[in-house]
Amino acid sequence: MAGIIHTDAEHGEALAALDRLMEIDPESDTPEADELQLLALVIEDYEKERFPIGLPDPIEAIRFCMDQQGLHQQDLVPYFGSKRRVSDALSGKRALTLSMIRALHDGLGIPADVLLQTPHGG
């Protein structure tokens, strides 16, 4: 029976048990299916605690958004105010201002908590 994972060794054992159950591919509403679901949950909980994933760098998030939406630097002028500000911000020479953060959040949907961080390079 699955239990709370406290150590890396227990994590390894839980992963092995999960693999064995996935190989069996149990029918729904069986004890094995319940065990598989429980193992997946406790493994996920342990991994979130042990291996947290931080927020992306604000500039990397802007660049990712640009890539996903097919935007160029010139397309960001409405959010930054000028081509120079866009260039300076994306190169790390200028910090994002609160008005830029609001505009990027509202216009491009980039989460404010990502944009409010200090860039990794700065």
PDB file of N, CA and C in Angstrom:
ATOM      1  N   MET A   1       0.842  -1.188   0.000  1.00  0.00           N
ATOM      2  CA  MET A   1       0.000   0.000   0.000  1.00  0.00           C
ATOM      3  C   MET A   1       0.881   1.242   0.000  1.00  0.00           C
ATOM      4  N   ALA A   2       0.523   2.232  -0.793  1.00  0.00           N
ATOM      5  CA  ALA A   2       1.288   3.468  -0.888  1.00  0.00           C
ATOM      6  C   ALA A   2       1.147   4.275   0.386  1.00  0.00           C
ATOM      7  N   GLY A   3       2.205   4.987   0.713  1.00  0.00           N
ATOM      8  CA  GLY A   3       2.191   5.859   1.870  1.00  0.00           C
ATOM      9  C   GLY A   3       2.948   7.135   1.544  1.00  0.00           C
ATOM     10  N   ILE A   4       3.012   8.018   2.509  1.00  0.00           N
ATOM     11  CA  ILE A   4       3.726   9.257   2.317  1.00  0.00           C
ATOM     12  C   ILE A   4       5.201   8.958   2.093  1.00  0.00           C
ATOM     13  N   ILE A   5       5.808   9.647   1.129  1.00  0.00           N
ATOM     14  CA  ILE A   5       7.217   9.456   0.807  1.00  0.00           C
ATOM     15  C   ILE A   5       8.030  10.470   1.598  1.00  0.00           C
ATOM     16  N   HIS A   6       9.049   9.957   2.317  1.00  0.00           N
ATOM     17  CA  HIS A   6       9.885  10.824   3.149  1.00  0.00           C
ATOM     18  C   HIS A   6      11.315  10.929   2.640  1.00  0.00           C
ATOM     19  N   THR A   7      11.793   9.941   1.891  1.00  0.00           N
ATOM     20  CA  THR A   7      13.203   9.905   1.487  1.00  0.00           C
ATOM     21  C   THR A   7      13.318   9.623  -0.011  1.00  0.00           C
ATOM     22  N   ASP A   8      14.521   9.874  -0.527  1.00  0.00           N
ATOM     23  CA  ASP A   8      14.772   9.563  -1.929  1.00  0.00           C
ATOM     24  C   ASP A   8      14.669   8.056  -2.186  1.00  0.00           C
ATOM     25  N   ALA A   9      15.059   7.245  -1.194  1.00  0.00           N
ATOM     26  CA  ALA A   9      14.961   5.791  -1.341  1.00  0.00           C
ATOM     27  C   ALA A   9      13.495   5.374  -1.456  1.00  0.00           C
ATOM     28  N   GLU A  10      12.649   5.937  -0.614  1.00  0.00           N
ATOM     29  CA  GLU A  10      11.211   5.637  -0.695  1.00  0.00           C
ATOM     30  C   GLU A  10      10.640   6.122  -2.028  1.00  0.00           C
ATOM     31  N   HIS A  11      11.149   7.242  -2.510  1.00  0.00           N
ATOM     32  CA  HIS A  11      10.711   7.763  -3.809  1.00  0.00           C
ATOM     33  C   HIS A  11      11.045   6.756  -4.911  1.00  0.00           C
ATOM     34  N   GLY A  12      12.256   6.224  -4.872  1.00  0.00           N
ATOM     35  CA  GLY A  12      12.664   5.224  -5.864  1.00  0.00           C
ATOM     36  C   GLY A  12      11.796   3.971  -5.807  1.00  0.00           C
ATOM     37  N   GLU A  13      11.490   3.539  -4.584  1.00  0.00           N
ATOM     38  CA  GLU A  13      10.622   2.361  -4.423  1.00  0.00           C
ATOM     39  C   GLU A  13       9.219   2.642  -4.964  1.00  0.00           C
ATOM     40  N   ALA A  14       8.721   3.836  -4.702  1.00  0.00           N
ATOM     41  CA  ALA A  14       7.387   4.196  -5.186  1.00  0.00           C
ATOM     42  C   ALA A  14       7.362   4.254  -6.708  1.00  0.00           C
ATOM     43  N   LEU A  15       8.425   4.797  -7.310  1.00  0.00           N
ATOM     44  CA  LEU A  15       8.493   4.836  -8.784  1.00  0.00           C
ATOM     45  C   LEU A  15       8.518   3.431  -9.371  1.00  0.00           C
ATOM     46  N   ALA A  16       9.265   2.537  -8.731  1.00  0.00           N
ATOM     47  CA  ALA A  16       9.328   1.148  -9.204  1.00  0.00           C
ATOM     48  C   ALA A  16       7.957   0.485  -9.094  1.00  0.00           C
ATOM     49  N   ALA A  17       7.278   0.709  -7.986  1.00  0.00           N
ATOM     50  CA  ALA A  17       5.938   0.141  -7.803  1.00  0.00           C
ATOM     51  C   ALA A  17       4.966   0.717  -8.826  1.00  0.00           C
ATOM     52  N   LEU A  18       5.089   2.011  -9.086  1.00  0.00           N
ATOM     53  CA  LEU A  18       4.236   2.652 -10.095  1.00  0.00           C
ATOM     54  C   LEU A  18       4.477   2.035 -11.463  1.00  0.00           C
ATOM     55  N   ASP A  19       5.740   1.821 -11.812  1.00  0.00           N
ATOM     56  CA  ASP A  19       6.068   1.191 -13.098  1.00  0.00           C
ATOM     57  C   ASP A  19       5.450  -0.197 -13.204  1.00  0.00           C
ATOM     58  N   ARG A  20       5.547  -0.990 -12.118  1.00  0.00           N
ATOM     59  CA  ARG A  20       4.980  -2.344 -12.138  1.00  0.00           C
ATOM     60  C   ARG A  20       3.465  -2.291 -12.363  1.00  0.00           C
ATOM     61  N   LEU A  21       2.807  -1.376 -11.669  1.00  0.00           N
ATOM     62  CA  LEU A  21       1.355  -1.262 -11.826  1.00  0.00           C
ATOM     63  C   LEU A  21       0.976  -0.766 -13.222  1.00  0.00           C
ATOM     64  N   MET A  22       1.778   0.127 -13.776  1.00  0.00           N
ATOM     65  CA  MET A  22       1.481   0.623 -15.122  1.00  0.00           C
ATOM     66  C   MET A  22       1.641  -0.491 -16.161  1.00  0.00           C
ATOM     67  N   GLU A  23       2.593  -1.389 -15.922  1.00  0.00           N
ATOM     68  CA  GLU A  23       2.778  -2.541 -16.811  1.00  0.00           C
ATOM     69  C   GLU A  23       1.535  -3.431 -16.809  1.00  0.00           C
ATOM     70  N   ILE A  24       0.946  -3.598 -15.628  1.00  0.00           N
ATOM     71  CA  ILE A  24      -0.260  -4.431 -15.483  1.00  0.00           C
ATOM     72  C   ILE A  24      -1.446  -3.773 -16.182  1.00  0.00           C
ATOM     73  N   ASP A  25      -1.468  -2.426 -16.172  1.00  0.00           N
ATOM     74  CA  ASP A  25      -2.571  -1.640 -16.739  1.00  0.00           C
ATOM     75  C   ASP A  25      -3.909  -2.111 -16.159  1.00  0.00           C
ATOM     76  N   PRO A  26      -4.102  -1.897 -14.860  1.00  0.00           N
ATOM     77  CA  PRO A  26      -5.295  -2.425 -14.184  1.00  0.00           C
ATOM     78  C   PRO A  26      -6.595  -1.798 -14.677  1.00  0.00           C
ATOM     79  N   GLU A  27      -7.642  -2.592 -14.585  1.00  0.00           N
ATOM     80  CA  GLU A  27      -8.988  -2.106 -14.919  1.00  0.00           C
ATOM     81  C   GLU A  27      -9.404  -1.053 -13.893  1.00  0.00           C
ATOM     82  N   SER A  28     -10.250  -0.132 -14.310  1.00  0.00           N
ATOM     83  CA  SER A  28     -10.774   0.881 -13.394  1.00  0.00           C
ATOM     84  C   SER A  28     -11.539   0.218 -12.258  1.00  0.00           C
ATOM     85  N   ASP A  29     -11.593   0.928 -11.143  1.00  0.00           N
ATOM     86  CA  ASP A  29     -12.338   0.480  -9.971  1.00  0.00           C
ATOM     87  C   ASP A  29     -11.861  -0.857  -9.417  1.00  0.00           C
ATOM     88  N   THR A  30     -10.544  -1.078  -9.504  1.00  0.00           N
ATOM     89  CA  THR A  30      -9.944  -2.255  -8.878  1.00  0.00           C
ATOM     90  C   THR A  30      -8.950  -1.767  -7.823  1.00  0.00           C
ATOM     91  N   PRO A  31      -8.598  -2.614  -6.872  1.00  0.00           N
ATOM     92  CA  PRO A  31      -7.598  -2.199  -5.877  1.00  0.00           C
ATOM     93  C   PRO A  31      -6.268  -1.774  -6.525  1.00  0.00           C
ATOM     94  N   GLU A  32      -5.891  -2.441  -7.618  1.00  0.00           N
ATOM     95  CA  GLU A  32      -4.646  -2.089  -8.300  1.00  0.00           C
ATOM     96  C   GLU A  32      -4.738  -0.703  -8.931  1.00  0.00           C
ATOM     97  N   ALA A  33      -5.897  -0.372  -9.510  1.00  0.00           N
ATOM     98  CA  ALA A  33      -6.090   0.952 -10.114  1.00  0.00           C
ATOM     99  C   ALA A  33      -6.055   2.031  -9.030  1.00  0.00           C
ATOM    100  N   ASP A  34      -6.659   1.737  -7.891  1.00  0.00           N
ATOM    101  CA  ASP A  34      -6.626   2.688  -6.776  1.00  0.00           C
ATOM    102  C   ASP A  34      -5.198   2.884  -6.275  1.00  0.00           C
ATOM    103  N   GLU A  35      -4.446   1.789  -6.186  1.00  0.00           N
ATOM    104  CA  GLU A  35      -3.052   1.859  -5.745  1.00  0.00           C
ATOM    105  C   GLU A  35      -2.226   2.690  -6.730  1.00  0.00           C
ATOM    106  N   LEU A  36      -2.443   2.504  -8.006  1.00  0.00           N
ATOM    107  CA  LEU A  36      -1.736   3.263  -9.032  1.00  0.00           C
ATOM    108  C   LEU A  36      -2.022   4.754  -8.890  1.00  0.00           C
ATOM    109  N   GLN A  37      -3.268   5.083  -8.709  1.00  0.00           N
ATOM    110  CA  GLN A  37      -3.661   6.487  -8.566  1.00  0.00           C
ATOM    111  C   GLN A  37      -3.051   7.089  -7.293  1.00  0.00           C
ATOM    112  N   LEU A  38      -3.091   6.343  -6.206  1.00  0.00           N
ATOM    113  CA  LEU A  38      -2.529   6.823  -4.946  1.00  0.00           C
ATOM    114  C   LEU A  38      -1.015   7.006  -5.067  1.00  0.00           C
ATOM    115  N   LEU A  39      -0.338   6.058  -5.677  1.00  0.00           N
ATOM    116  CA  LEU A  39       1.108   6.178  -5.870  1.00  0.00           C
ATOM    117  C   LEU A  39       1.445   7.417  -6.697  1.00  0.00           C
ATOM    118  N   ALA A  40       0.697   7.629  -7.761  1.00  0.00           N
ATOM    119  CA  ALA A  40       0.942   8.803  -8.610  1.00  0.00           C
ATOM    120  C   ALA A  40       0.795  10.086  -7.806  1.00  0.00           C
ATOM    121  N   LEU A  41      -0.188  10.143  -6.934  1.00  0.00           N
ATOM    122  CA  LEU A  41      -0.411  11.344  -6.125  1.00  0.00           C
ATOM    123  C   LEU A  41       0.704  11.577  -5.111  1.00  0.00           C
ATOM    124  N   VAL A  42       1.121  10.524  -4.403  1.00  0.00           N
ATOM    125  CA  VAL A  42       2.168  10.720  -3.397  1.00  0.00           C
ATOM    126  C   VAL A  42       3.512  11.009  -4.057  1.00  0.00           C
ATOM    127  N   ILE A  43       3.763  10.418  -5.218  1.00  0.00           N
ATOM    128  CA  ILE A  43       4.998  10.716  -5.956  1.00  0.00           C
ATOM    129  C   ILE A  43       4.994  12.171  -6.414  1.00  0.00           C
ATOM    130  N   GLU A  44       3.879  12.617  -6.963  1.00  0.00           N
ATOM    131  CA  GLU A  44       3.768  14.007  -7.405  1.00  0.00           C
ATOM    132  C   GLU A  44       3.975  14.966  -6.236  1.00  0.00           C
ATOM    133  N   ASP A  45       3.370  14.664  -5.108  1.00  0.00           N
ATOM    134  CA  ASP A  45       3.505  15.519  -3.925  1.00  0.00           C
ATOM    135  C   ASP A  45       4.964  15.598  -3.474  1.00  0.00           C
ATOM    136  N   TYR A  46       5.627  14.453  -3.417  1.00  0.00           N
ATOM    137  CA  TYR A  46       7.032  14.420  -3.002  1.00  0.00           C
ATOM    138  C   TYR A  46       7.906  15.207  -3.978  1.00  0.00           C
ATOM    139  N   GLU A  47       7.682  15.017  -5.274  1.00  0.00           N
ATOM    140  CA  GLU A  47       8.502  15.687  -6.283  1.00  0.00           C
ATOM    141  C   GLU A  47       8.283  17.193  -6.282  1.00  0.00           C
ATOM    142  N   LYS A  48       7.055  17.636  -6.032  1.00  0.00           N
ATOM    143  CA  LYS A  48       6.805  19.073  -5.944  1.00  0.00           C
ATOM    144  C   LYS A  48       7.558  19.687  -4.776  1.00  0.00           C
ATOM    145  N   GLU A  49       7.606  18.956  -3.672  1.00  0.00           N
ATOM    146  CA  GLU A  49       8.292  19.443  -2.471  1.00  0.00           C
ATOM    147  C   GLU A  49       9.816  19.358  -2.627  1.00  0.00           C
ATOM    148  N   ARG A  50      10.279  18.257  -3.176  1.00  0.00           N
ATOM    149  CA  ARG A  50      11.728  17.976  -3.269  1.00  0.00           C
ATOM    150  C   ARG A  50      12.389  18.674  -4.440  1.00  0.00           C
ATOM    151  N   PHE A  51      11.673  18.808  -5.555  1.00  0.00           N
ATOM    152  CA  PHE A  51      12.229  19.370  -6.781  1.00  0.00           C
ATOM    153  C   PHE A  51      11.332  20.495  -7.300  1.00  0.00           C
ATOM    154  N   PRO A  52      11.197  21.582  -6.534  1.00  0.00           N
ATOM    155  CA  PRO A  52      10.293  22.651  -6.968  1.00  0.00           C
ATOM    156  C   PRO A  52      10.775  23.304  -8.263  1.00  0.00           C
ATOM    157  N   ILE A  53       9.818  23.693  -9.060  1.00  0.00           N
ATOM    158  CA  ILE A  53      10.121  24.376 -10.316  1.00  0.00           C
ATOM    159  C   ILE A  53       9.798  25.846 -10.103  1.00  0.00           C
ATOM    160  N   GLY A  54      10.805  26.677 -10.225  1.00  0.00           N
ATOM    161  CA  GLY A  54      10.622  28.111 -10.026  1.00  0.00           C
ATOM    162  C   GLY A  54       9.970  28.774 -11.227  1.00  0.00           C
ATOM    163  N   LEU A  55       9.654  30.026 -11.041  1.00  0.00           N
ATOM    164  CA  LEU A  55       9.077  30.812 -12.123  1.00  0.00           C
ATOM    165  C   LEU A  55      10.158  31.137 -13.147  1.00  0.00           C
ATOM    166  N   PRO A  56       9.766  31.299 -14.400  1.00  0.00           N
ATOM    167  CA  PRO A  56      10.758  31.648 -15.426  1.00  0.00           C
ATOM    168  C   PRO A  56      11.245  33.081 -15.245  1.00  0.00           C
ATOM    169  N   ASP A  57      12.426  33.347 -15.769  1.00  0.00           N
ATOM    170  CA  ASP A  57      12.980  34.689 -15.799  1.00  0.00           C
ATOM    171  C   ASP A  57      12.019  35.593 -16.584  1.00  0.00           C
ATOM    172  N   PRO A  58      11.772  36.833 -16.143  1.00  0.00           N
ATOM    173  CA  PRO A  58      10.819  37.707 -16.836  1.00  0.00           C
ATOM    174  C   PRO A  58      11.164  37.946 -18.304  1.00  0.00           C
ATOM    175  N   ILE A  59      12.436  38.171 -18.605  1.00  0.00           N
ATOM    176  CA  ILE A  59      12.830  38.431 -19.986  1.00  0.00           C
ATOM    177  C   ILE A  59      12.664  37.165 -20.826  1.00  0.00           C
ATOM    178  N   GLU A  60      13.011  36.021 -20.259  1.00  0.00           N
ATOM    179  CA  GLU A  60      12.803  34.754 -20.969  1.00  0.00           C
ATOM    180  C   GLU A  60      11.312  34.519 -21.211  1.00  0.00           C
ATOM    181  N   ALA A  61      10.473  34.894 -20.256  1.00  0.00           N
ATOM    182  CA  ALA A  61       9.029  34.740 -20.428  1.00  0.00           C
ATOM    183  C   ALA A  61       8.516  35.637 -21.560  1.00  0.00           C
ATOM    184  N   ILE A  62       9.034  36.860 -21.623  1.00  0.00           N
ATOM    185  CA  ILE A  62       8.630  37.767 -22.718  1.00  0.00           C
ATOM    186  C   ILE A  62       9.076  37.188 -24.054  1.00  0.00           C
ATOM    187  N   ARG A  63      10.321  36.723 -24.117  1.00  0.00           N
ATOM    188  CA  ARG A  63      10.830  36.141 -25.370  1.00  0.00           C
ATOM    189  C   ARG A  63      10.026  34.894 -25.764  1.00  0.00           C
ATOM    190  N   PHE A  64       9.670  34.078 -24.786  1.00  0.00           N
ATOM    191  CA  PHE A  64       8.861  32.887 -25.066  1.00  0.00           C
ATOM    192  C   PHE A  64       7.502  33.298 -25.627  1.00  0.00           C
ATOM    193  N   CYS A  65       6.890  34.304 -25.008  1.00  0.00           N
ATOM    194  CA  CYS A  65       5.601  34.803 -25.475  1.00  0.00           C
ATOM    195  C   CYS A  65       5.723  35.332 -26.905  1.00  0.00           C
ATOM    196  N   MET A  66       6.791  36.064 -27.173  1.00  0.00           N
ATOM    197  CA  MET A  66       7.023  36.582 -28.522  1.00  0.00           C
ATOM    198  C   MET A  66       7.110  35.436 -29.523  1.00  0.00           C
ATOM    199  N   ASP A  67       7.868  34.412 -29.165  1.00  0.00           N
ATOM    200  CA  ASP A  67       8.042  33.255 -30.040  1.00  0.00           C
ATOM    201  C   ASP A  67       6.710  32.554 -30.283  1.00  0.00           C
ATOM    202  N   GLN A  68       5.949  32.328 -29.216  1.00  0.00           N
ATOM    203  CA  GLN A  68       4.673  31.623 -29.323  1.00  0.00           C
ATOM    204  C   GLN A  68       3.648  32.389 -30.156  1.00  0.00           C
ATOM    205  N   GLN A  69       3.700  33.727 -30.085  1.00  0.00           N
ATOM    206  CA  GLN A  69       2.718  34.549 -30.792  1.00  0.00           C
ATOM    207  C   GLN A  69       3.257  35.114 -32.103  1.00  0.00           C
ATOM    208  N   GLY A  70       4.483  34.745 -32.466  1.00  0.00           N
ATOM    209  CA  GLY A  70       5.081  35.224 -33.701  1.00  0.00           C
ATOM    210  C   GLY A  70       5.326  36.729 -33.702  1.00  0.00           C
ATOM    211  N   LEU A  71       5.691  37.264 -32.539  1.00  0.00           N
ATOM    212  CA  LEU A  71       5.903  38.702 -32.411  1.00  0.00           C
ATOM    213  C   LEU A  71       7.376  39.052 -32.595  1.00  0.00           C
ATOM    214  N   HIS A  72       7.616  40.284 -33.048  1.00  0.00           N
ATOM    215  CA  HIS A  72       8.963  40.829 -33.182  1.00  0.00           C
ATOM    216  C   HIS A  72       9.111  41.950 -32.159  1.00  0.00           C
ATOM    217  N   GLN A  73      10.340  42.412 -31.974  1.00  0.00           N
ATOM    218  CA  GLN A  73      10.570  43.483 -31.004  1.00  0.00           C
ATOM    219  C   GLN A  73       9.683  44.687 -31.287  1.00  0.00           C
ATOM    220  N   GLN A  74       9.520  45.028 -32.545  1.00  0.00           N
ATOM    221  CA  GLN A  74       8.705  46.200 -32.888  1.00  0.00           C
ATOM    222  C   GLN A  74       7.254  46.037 -32.447  1.00  0.00           C
ATOM    223  N   ASP A  75       6.786  44.792 -32.331  1.00  0.00           N
ATOM    224  CA  ASP A  75       5.412  44.546 -31.888  1.00  0.00           C
ATOM    225  C   ASP A  75       5.228  44.849 -30.398  1.00  0.00           C
ATOM    226  N   LEU A  76       6.342  44.968 -29.675  1.00  0.00           N
ATOM    227  CA  LEU A  76       6.274  45.229 -28.240  1.00  0.00           C
ATOM    228  C   LEU A  76       6.294  46.716 -27.899  1.00  0.00           C
ATOM    229  N   VAL A  77       6.492  47.568 -28.887  1.00  0.00           N
ATOM    230  CA  VAL A  77       6.555  49.010 -28.638  1.00  0.00           C
ATOM    231  C   VAL A  77       5.334  49.520 -27.872  1.00  0.00           C
ATOM    232  N   PRO A  78       4.110  49.075 -28.185  1.00  0.00           N
ATOM    233  CA  PRO A  78       2.960  49.574 -27.416  1.00  0.00           C
ATOM    234  C   PRO A  78       3.026  49.245 -25.923  1.00  0.00           C
ATOM    235  N   TYR A  79       3.735  48.198 -25.565  1.00  0.00           N
ATOM    236  CA  TYR A  79       3.827  47.785 -24.165  1.00  0.00           C
ATOM    237  C   TYR A  79       4.983  48.475 -23.436  1.00  0.00           C
ATOM    238  N   PHE A  80       6.014  48.870 -24.189  1.00  0.00           N
ATOM    239  CA  PHE A  80       7.213  49.463 -23.601  1.00  0.00           C
ATOM    240  C   PHE A  80       7.305  50.975 -23.803  1.00  0.00           C
ATOM    241  N   GLY A  81       6.699  51.475 -24.860  1.00  0.00           N
ATOM    242  CA  GLY A  81       6.719  52.917 -25.104  1.00  0.00           C
ATOM    243  C   GLY A  81       7.608  53.356 -26.249  1.00  0.00           C
ATOM    244  N   SER A  82       8.680  52.614 -26.530  1.00  0.00           N
ATOM    245  CA  SER A  82       9.558  52.968 -27.648  1.00  0.00           C
ATOM    246  C   SER A  82      10.394  51.753 -28.042  1.00  0.00           C
ATOM    247  N   LYS A  83      10.950  51.801 -29.259  1.00  0.00           N
ATOM    248  CA  LYS A  83      11.822  50.719 -29.722  1.00  0.00           C
ATOM    249  C   LYS A  83      13.041  50.591 -28.819  1.00  0.00           C
ATOM    250  N   ARG A  84      13.575  51.735 -28.388  1.00  0.00           N
ATOM    251  CA  ARG A  84      14.766  51.732 -27.541  1.00  0.00           C
ATOM    252  C   ARG A  84      14.481  51.036 -26.201  1.00  0.00           C
ATOM    253  N   ARG A  85      13.326  51.314 -25.608  1.00  0.00           N
ATOM    254  CA  ARG A  85      12.975  50.675 -24.335  1.00  0.00           C
ATOM    255  C   ARG A  85      12.815  49.165 -24.496  1.00  0.00           C
ATOM    256  N   VAL A  86      12.221  48.758 -25.624  1.00  0.00           N
ATOM    257  CA  VAL A  86      12.078  47.327 -25.896  1.00  0.00           C
ATOM    258  C   VAL A  86      13.463  46.692 -25.957  1.00  0.00           C
ATOM    259  N   SER A  87      14.347  47.282 -26.751  1.00  0.00           N
ATOM    260  CA  SER A  87      15.691  46.755 -26.925  1.00  0.00           C
ATOM    261  C   SER A  87      16.450  46.714 -25.603  1.00  0.00           C
ATOM    262  N   ASP A  88      16.386  47.814 -24.857  1.00  0.00           N
ATOM    263  CA  ASP A  88      17.098  47.877 -23.579  1.00  0.00           C
ATOM    264  C   ASP A  88      16.551  46.857 -22.573  1.00  0.00           C
ATOM    265  N   ALA A  89      15.242  46.708 -22.517  1.00  0.00           N
ATOM    266  CA  ALA A  89      14.643  45.762 -21.579  1.00  0.00           C
ATOM    267  C   ALA A  89      14.998  44.320 -21.952  1.00  0.00           C
ATOM    268  N   LEU A  90      14.898  43.983 -23.225  1.00  0.00           N
ATOM    269  CA  LEU A  90      15.176  42.609 -23.646  1.00  0.00           C
ATOM    270  C   LEU A  90      16.658  42.260 -23.535  1.00  0.00           C
ATOM    271  N   SER A  91      17.523  43.270 -23.547  1.00  0.00           N
ATOM    272  CA  SER A  91      18.957  43.007 -23.395  1.00  0.00           C
ATOM    273  C   SER A  91      19.392  43.073 -21.936  1.00  0.00           C
ATOM    274  N   GLY A  92      18.475  43.432 -21.044  1.00  0.00           N
ATOM    275  CA  GLY A  92      18.791  43.499 -19.630  1.00  0.00           C
ATOM    276  C   GLY A  92      19.381  44.829 -19.192  1.00  0.00           C
ATOM    277  N   LYS A  93      19.416  45.820 -20.089  1.00  0.00           N
ATOM    278  CA  LYS A  93      19.972  47.133 -19.750  1.00  0.00           C
ATOM    279  C   LYS A  93      18.971  48.006 -19.009  1.00  0.00           C
ATOM    280  N   ARG A  94      17.686  47.673 -19.100  1.00  0.00           N
ATOM    281  CA  ARG A  94      16.629  48.473 -18.477  1.00  0.00           C
ATOM    282  C   ARG A  94      15.706  47.530 -17.709  1.00  0.00           C
ATOM    283  N   ALA A  95      15.395  47.912 -16.497  1.00  0.00           N
ATOM    284  CA  ALA A  95      14.440  47.132 -15.703  1.00  0.00           C
ATOM    285  C   ALA A  95      13.023  47.405 -16.197  1.00  0.00           C
ATOM    286  N   LEU A  96      12.162  46.416 -16.029  1.00  0.00           N
ATOM    287  CA  LEU A  96      10.760  46.613 -16.379  1.00  0.00           C
ATOM    288  C   LEU A  96      10.132  47.557 -15.363  1.00  0.00           C
ATOM    289  N   THR A  97       9.373  48.524 -15.862  1.00  0.00           N
ATOM    290  CA  THR A  97       8.657  49.429 -14.967  1.00  0.00           C
ATOM    291  C   THR A  97       7.289  48.838 -14.666  1.00  0.00           C
ATOM    292  N   LEU A  98       6.629  49.370 -13.666  1.00  0.00           N
ATOM    293  CA  LEU A  98       5.303  48.887 -13.311  1.00  0.00           C
ATOM    294  C   LEU A  98       4.332  49.056 -14.471  1.00  0.00           C
ATOM    295  N   SER A  99       4.434  50.161 -15.207  1.00  0.00           N
ATOM    296  CA  SER A  99       3.529  50.366 -16.344  1.00  0.00           C
ATOM    297  C   SER A  99       3.813  49.356 -17.454  1.00  0.00           C
ATOM    298  N   MET A 100       5.086  49.021 -17.676  1.00  0.00           N
ATOM    299  CA  MET A 100       5.420  47.990 -18.669  1.00  0.00           C
ATOM    300  C   MET A 100       4.857  46.639 -18.238  1.00  0.00           C
ATOM    301  N   ILE A 101       5.029  46.321 -16.950  1.00  0.00           N
ATOM    302  CA  ILE A 101       4.540  45.044 -16.425  1.00  0.00           C
ATOM    303  C   ILE A 101       3.025  44.946 -16.586  1.00  0.00           C
ATOM    304  N   ARG A 102       2.323  46.014 -16.242  1.00  0.00           N
ATOM    305  CA  ARG A 102       0.864  46.017 -16.409  1.00  0.00           C
ATOM    306  C   ARG A 102       0.484  45.825 -17.867  1.00  0.00           C
ATOM    307  N   ALA A 103       1.157  46.550 -18.759  1.00  0.00           N
ATOM    308  CA  ALA A 103       0.840  46.464 -20.185  1.00  0.00           C
ATOM    309  C   ALA A 103       1.117  45.065 -20.730  1.00  0.00           C
ATOM    310  N   LEU A 104       2.248  44.470 -20.353  1.00  0.00           N
ATOM    311  CA  LEU A 104       2.588  43.120 -20.816  1.00  0.00           C
ATOM    312  C   LEU A 104       1.617  42.088 -20.264  1.00  0.00           C
ATOM    313  N   HIS A 105       1.239  42.269 -19.012  1.00  0.00           N
ATOM    314  CA  HIS A 105       0.275  41.351 -18.396  1.00  0.00           C
ATOM    315  C   HIS A 105      -1.087  41.467 -19.087  1.00  0.00           C
ATOM    316  N   ASP A 106      -1.580  42.692 -19.228  1.00  0.00           N
ATOM    317  CA  ASP A 106      -2.898  42.898 -19.826  1.00  0.00           C
ATOM    318  C   ASP A 106      -2.914  42.567 -21.319  1.00  0.00           C
ATOM    319  N   GLY A 107      -1.868  42.973 -22.029  1.00  0.00           N
ATOM    320  CA  GLY A 107      -1.860  42.807 -23.478  1.00  0.00           C
ATOM    321  C   GLY A 107      -1.436  41.446 -23.971  1.00  0.00           C
ATOM    322  N   LEU A 108      -0.485  40.832 -23.279  1.00  0.00           N
ATOM    323  CA  LEU A 108       0.048  39.552 -23.752  1.00  0.00           C
ATOM    324  C   LEU A 108      -0.282  38.384 -22.838  1.00  0.00           C
ATOM    325  N   GLY A 109      -0.847  38.690 -21.671  1.00  0.00           N
ATOM    326  CA  GLY A 109      -1.247  37.620 -20.760  1.00  0.00           C
ATOM    327  C   GLY A 109      -0.102  36.983 -19.993  1.00  0.00           C
ATOM    328  N   ILE A 110       1.033  37.666 -19.918  1.00  0.00           N
ATOM    329  CA  ILE A 110       2.153  37.128 -19.145  1.00  0.00           C
ATOM    330  C   ILE A 110       1.825  37.338 -17.667  1.00  0.00           C
ATOM    331  N   PRO A 111       1.905  36.290 -16.850  1.00  0.00           N
ATOM    332  CA  PRO A 111       1.549  36.438 -15.436  1.00  0.00           C
ATOM    333  C   PRO A 111       2.371  37.528 -14.746  1.00  0.00           C
ATOM    334  N   ALA A 112       1.700  38.346 -13.975  1.00  0.00           N
ATOM    335  CA  ALA A 112       2.356  39.450 -13.274  1.00  0.00           C
ATOM    336  C   ALA A 112       3.431  38.935 -12.318  1.00  0.00           C
ATOM    337  N   ASP A 113       3.201  37.790 -11.649  1.00  0.00           N
ATOM    338  CA  ASP A 113       4.201  37.288 -10.703  1.00  0.00           C
ATOM    339  C   ASP A 113       5.492  36.921 -11.403  1.00  0.00           C
ATOM    340  N   VAL A 114       5.420  36.545 -12.670  1.00  0.00           N
ATOM    341  CA  VAL A 114       6.629  36.266 -13.448  1.00  0.00           C
ATOM    342  C   VAL A 114       7.348  37.571 -13.771  1.00  0.00           C
ATOM    343  N   LEU A 115       6.588  38.570 -14.222  1.00  0.00           N
ATOM    344  CA  LEU A 115       7.178  39.838 -14.634  1.00  0.00           C
ATOM    345  C   LEU A 115       7.736  40.643 -13.469  1.00  0.00           C
ATOM    346  N   LEU A 116       7.230  40.442 -12.278  1.00  0.00           N
ATOM    347  CA  LEU A 116       7.666  41.222 -11.117  1.00  0.00           C
ATOM    348  C   LEU A 116       8.979  40.726 -10.515  1.00  0.00           C
ATOM    349  N   GLN A 117       9.450  39.579 -10.939  1.00  0.00           N
ATOM    350  CA  GLN A 117      10.704  39.043 -10.402  1.00  0.00           C
ATOM    351  C   GLN A 117      11.901  39.843 -10.876  1.00  0.00           C
ATOM    352  N   THR A 118      12.994  39.713 -10.160  1.00  0.00           N
ATOM    353  CA  THR A 118      14.261  40.273 -10.614  1.00  0.00           C
ATOM    354  C   THR A 118      14.810  39.316 -11.669  1.00  0.00           C
ATOM    355  N   PRO A 119      15.198  39.840 -12.845  1.00  0.00           N
ATOM    356  CA  PRO A 119      15.749  38.952 -13.880  1.00  0.00           C
ATOM    357  C   PRO A 119      16.984  38.230 -13.363  1.00  0.00           C
ATOM    358  N   HIS A 120      17.211  36.989 -13.867  1.00  0.00           N
ATOM    359  CA  HIS A 120      18.339  36.186 -13.423  1.00  0.00           C
ATOM    360  C   HIS A 120      19.676  36.858 -13.685  1.00  0.00           C
ATOM    361  N   GLY A 121      19.738  37.613 -14.759  1.00  0.00           N
ATOM    362  CA  GLY A 121      20.996  38.279 -15.091  1.00  0.00           C
ATOM    363  C   GLY A 121      21.228  39.528 -14.272  1.00  0.00           C
ATOM    364  N   GLY A 122      20.180  40.017 -13.547  1.00  0.00           N
ATOM    365  CA  GLY A 122      20.325  41.301 -12.878  1.00  0.00           C
ATOM    366  C   GLY A 122      20.410  41.252 -11.417  1.00  0.00           C
TER     367      GLY A 122
END
